[in-house]
Amino acid sequence: MIKGYKIQDRRFPLQLGVGSDAIHQDPIYSYTVTSLTDEVGREGVGLAFTIGAGNELVCQAAKFYAEKLVGKDIEEIMASFGSIFNDLSNEQQFRWLGPHKGIVHLALASVTNACYDLWAKTRGVPLWKLLIDLSPQDIVNTLDLSYLEDELSASEAVDLLTAQRAGLGDRIGIINTGYPGYDTSVGWFNYSDEQVKANCRKALDAGFEAMKLKVGSRDPLRDIKRAHIVREICGDKVKVMLDANQQWTLPQAMSICKELKEMNPYWIEEPTHPDDILAHKKLADAIAPIKVAMGEHVPNRILFKNYLQLNATGFVQVDAVRVGGVSEFITVSLLCRKYNIPVVPHVGDMGQLHQHLVLFNHISMGHEALFLEHIPHLKSYFKHPVRVEDGVYHTPMEVGSSCDLL
């Protein structure tokens, strides 16, 4: 039984230039941390990610949700978590502040993720193990599929998961082999060209075969130059992703992406405003076969549904510390599996939680474990930091979701 909770506002200043992109020039990586404590002292820890100012508002909202879980048993909560999530996300006062987005939805993500962590710790297993051992019906019971009925009913979700169980034995080997990471830190926006060159070489030496460069400069020639620098150093076999962090209007994106196609990017990420689904669709059609990636700033399953319905994206980067937590992440992953669109999470959690979810997506859902973003800047603050060696994520074996902070 959940006996109490604690909400913390944790902020981590970064070194000069680290984390910078075309929109966010001086971020402070921050977490709304929810801790749910049960009657024997187990602590479930959940995170929601922000970049500084306003994190205290998310913390205030998280207290509202956490309070509603006190006195309830975690197994009972998770047996019907989809219904609980629906009730919390649609609470009339807070729903007006969303709905299903912004401060209130980030707060719900923190509390939701704490529930999943406590659930795994109660059962004494890593989160990935808990999830892959659940039956299809048990998984669907944790999901809120409302507003998705036109694309994914509960029975369809169960059938989709059931159909994938036939190949589970062939995919379970990933637990031993791991899967690739990609280095997202080679080309932060405020890094000099020389820093980018040096970081590319370091990434190659560290075994990474994919990396990402921040673009979205006021001067498009700067982006083109830097993109060619990365391609020249890395060679043609390395996957190079370009990330504009929503900086461009559609006309700007149309123009510069045609120029950037010459260096053969693996994807172009967040090219314009995340709410402008039609703009993404127009751009995706215009720059094919280069694909658009999006999801870092898409807050809920309904918008992801619309992206998929319009074939407006080639990669979905849903983030469990941005949408309503693990539950909504799994829901979006199911939608993507139906549409055969790869899920490559954005890692506001620095990969701690998502390393578990990539394993679940692959083993239980049949998604390709393509790779997972690697951002090492907060590694020293976690009790069980991710292990990435020779460019490969190794399976976490500690109980829970790996989100305990020191």
Foldseek 3Di string as FASTA:
>chain_A
DFADKDWDKDWAFFPQLFPAFQVRRGFIWIWGWMWTADPVGDIQIFTFIDGDPPSVVLNVLLVVLNVVCHPPDLVVCLQQQQVVLVCQLPVPVVCVVPNQADSNLLSLLRVVNSSLQSVLVVVFWASLVVLQPDQQLSLLSNAHCPPVVVPADSVNSNVLLVVLQVCLVVQLCCQVVFAFAEEAGLARPPDDLVSNLVSLVVCVVQQHQEYEHHDQDPDLVVVLVSLVSSCVNNDDRGAYEYEDQANDDLVVLLVSLVSNCVSPHQAYENSHDLQCLVSLLVSQVNNPPHWYEYAPQDAALNSLLVNLVSVSGQEYAHEQSRYSHPRRVVVSLSSCLVSVHAYAHDPSLQCQQVSSVLSNCCNRNVHDPNYYYHDCRCQVFFPQGWDAGSRGTHRDTGGGRRRHTD
